[in-house]
Protein backbone atom coordinates (compact mmCIF):
# COMPACT_ATOMS: atom_id res chain seq x y z
CA MET A 1 82.99 -12.10 132.74
CA THR A 2 82.25 -15.10 130.53
CA GLU A 3 84.26 -18.24 130.80
CA THR A 4 86.32 -19.21 127.77
CA PRO A 5 85.51 -22.75 126.66
CA LYS A 6 88.37 -25.17 127.00
CA ALA A 7 89.48 -27.18 124.03
CA THR A 8 88.46 -30.78 124.25
CA PHE A 9 89.76 -33.66 122.22
CA ALA A 10 87.05 -36.11 123.25
CA SER A 11 85.42 -36.07 119.83
CA ASN A 12 88.78 -36.58 118.11
CA GLU A 13 89.67 -39.35 120.53
CA ALA A 14 86.30 -41.01 119.98
CA PHE A 15 86.73 -40.67 116.22
CA GLY A 16 90.20 -42.22 116.47
CA ARG A 17 88.96 -45.18 118.53
CA ALA A 18 86.12 -45.77 116.06
CA LEU A 19 88.52 -45.58 113.12
CA VAL A 20 90.91 -48.11 114.67
CA ALA A 21 88.01 -50.47 115.49
CA ARG A 22 86.75 -50.54 111.90
CA GLN A 23 87.55 -53.69 109.93
CA THR A 24 86.19 -52.61 106.54
CA PHE A 25 86.44 -49.48 104.43
CA GLU A 26 84.36 -49.18 101.28
CA LYS A 27 84.12 -46.51 98.57
CA GLU A 28 85.90 -43.83 100.56
CA ALA A 29 89.11 -41.85 100.62
CA VAL A 30 91.54 -43.09 103.27
CA TRP A 31 94.29 -40.68 104.28
CA LEU A 32 97.13 -42.88 105.51
CA PRO A 33 98.77 -40.33 107.86
CA LEU A 34 95.49 -39.97 109.79
CA LEU A 35 94.76 -43.71 109.86
CA THR A 36 98.32 -44.38 111.00
CA VAL A 37 98.47 -41.86 113.83
CA HIS A 38 95.20 -43.12 115.31
CA HIS A 39 96.51 -46.69 115.28
CA TRP A 40 99.77 -45.57 116.89
CA ASN A 41 97.82 -43.62 119.54
CA ALA A 42 95.93 -46.84 120.28
CA GLY A 43 99.24 -48.66 120.78
CA GLN A 44 99.02 -50.52 117.46
CA MET A 45 102.21 -50.02 115.48
CA SER A 46 100.78 -51.60 112.33
CA ILE A 47 97.37 -51.74 110.71
CA LYS A 48 96.14 -55.34 110.84
CA GLY A 49 93.38 -57.41 109.30
CA LYS A 50 91.42 -54.69 107.51
CA THR A 51 89.72 -54.82 104.11
CA PHE A 52 89.62 -51.83 101.78
CA THR A 53 87.26 -52.05 98.80
CA ASP A 54 86.98 -49.45 96.01
CA CYS A 55 88.90 -46.92 98.11
CA LEU A 56 91.29 -44.12 97.28
CA ILE A 57 94.34 -44.71 99.49
CA GLU A 58 96.19 -41.40 99.87
CA GLY A 59 99.64 -40.53 101.16
CA PRO A 60 102.13 -39.17 101.51
CA ALA A 61 103.26 -42.48 102.93
CA VAL A 62 105.47 -45.51 102.42
CA MET A 63 103.52 -48.70 103.05
CA ALA A 64 105.39 -51.64 104.57
CA VAL A 65 103.54 -54.66 103.18
CA MET A 66 103.64 -57.49 105.75
CA GLY A 67 102.09 -60.87 106.42
CA ASP A 68 99.30 -61.88 104.07
CA THR A 69 98.49 -58.40 102.75
CA ARG A 70 96.98 -58.75 99.28
CA PHE A 71 96.18 -56.42 96.39
CA GLU A 72 93.38 -57.41 94.02
CA ASP A 73 92.86 -55.38 90.83
CA CYS A 74 94.40 -52.26 92.39
CA ALA A 75 95.95 -49.26 90.64
CA MET A 76 99.16 -48.78 92.59
CA GLY A 77 100.16 -45.28 91.52
CA ILE A 78 100.73 -42.72 88.82
CA THR A 79 104.17 -43.07 87.27
CA THR A 80 105.85 -44.13 84.06
CA ASP A 81 108.34 -46.32 85.94
CA MET A 82 106.81 -48.48 88.67
CA ARG A 83 110.19 -48.79 90.39
CA THR A 84 109.68 -45.18 91.46
CA LEU A 85 107.09 -46.42 93.96
CA LEU A 86 109.22 -49.23 95.43
CA TYR A 87 111.68 -48.92 98.32
CA ARG A 88 114.14 -51.66 99.20
CA PRO A 89 114.90 -51.92 102.95
CA LEU A 90 118.59 -51.70 103.82
CA GLY A 91 118.44 -52.88 107.42
CA GLU A 92 116.68 -55.53 109.47
CA LYS A 93 113.97 -53.12 110.66
CA LEU A 94 111.97 -50.34 109.05
CA ALA A 95 111.34 -46.91 110.56
CA GLY A 96 109.04 -44.14 109.36
CA VAL A 97 106.73 -46.41 107.37
CA VAL A 98 103.09 -47.42 107.69
CA GLY A 99 102.89 -51.14 108.40
CA PHE A 100 99.99 -53.10 106.89
CA GLU A 101 99.69 -56.69 108.05
CA ASP A 102 97.16 -59.23 106.74
CA CYS A 103 95.10 -56.55 104.97
CA HIS A 104 93.17 -56.92 101.73
CA PHE A 105 92.87 -54.19 99.11
CA VAL A 106 90.23 -54.72 96.41
CA ARG A 107 89.97 -52.39 93.39
CA CYS A 108 91.68 -49.58 95.29
CA LYS A 109 93.63 -46.68 93.82
CA PHE A 110 96.81 -45.52 95.53
CA LEU A 111 97.96 -41.91 95.31
CA GLN A 112 101.34 -40.68 96.61
CA VAL A 113 102.07 -44.02 98.27
CA GLY A 114 105.35 -45.92 98.06
CA PHE A 115 105.75 -49.59 98.92
CA THR A 116 108.37 -51.60 100.76
CA GLY A 117 108.62 -55.16 101.99
CA SER A 118 110.39 -58.41 101.27
CA GLU A 119 112.50 -58.90 98.17
CA ALA A 120 109.87 -61.30 96.79
CA LEU A 121 107.11 -58.72 97.30
CA LEU A 122 109.10 -55.96 95.61
CA GLU A 123 109.82 -58.22 92.65
CA GLU A 124 106.14 -59.14 92.35
CA LEU A 125 105.02 -55.53 92.55
CA GLN A 126 107.62 -54.47 89.99
CA THR A 127 106.58 -57.05 87.42
CA LYS A 128 102.86 -57.41 88.05
CA ILE A 129 101.81 -53.94 89.10
CA ILE A 130 98.89 -52.02 87.62
CA LYS A 131 99.65 -48.43 86.72
CA ALA A 132 96.88 -46.00 87.68
CA SER A 133 98.08 -43.69 84.92
CA ASP A 134 96.91 -46.05 82.19
CA GLY A 135 94.64 -48.47 84.05
CA VAL A 136 96.03 -51.31 81.95
CA LYS A 137 96.88 -54.54 83.71
CA PRO A 138 100.09 -56.19 82.60
CA GLU A 139 99.84 -59.89 81.85
CA GLY A 140 99.77 -61.74 85.18
CA ALA A 141 98.84 -58.56 87.10
CA ILE A 142 98.21 -58.84 90.81
CA GLN A 143 94.82 -60.45 91.36
């Protein structure tokens, strides 16, 4: 009788640790649910200090923009009304969101991602956001 191999998650665990340790992502698709769960498994409840350059950032997800997170020449989503992508917090804390703290996004495209954060951030995103659907930057767009 042959022994049935047991499932092992060592490769997934190693992949998760390597993903969490990375500080830069360049020219790749980043699936936020996967990135988030590996950070949570590592005991990190937000994603901190990472740089994403020329990436496709994919949801479904709502991104809580915290600290000094910056967007430079990014296409924030496909919609005719940018307010569709913005969520105003109603309480003191947020649950069920992906926290990004002190991250930098350069020339990234966001797909199926909503955004939440401070009132000032939401106002800035609403008025200076770049729509991926037309690729046209409004005057004073986020740099």
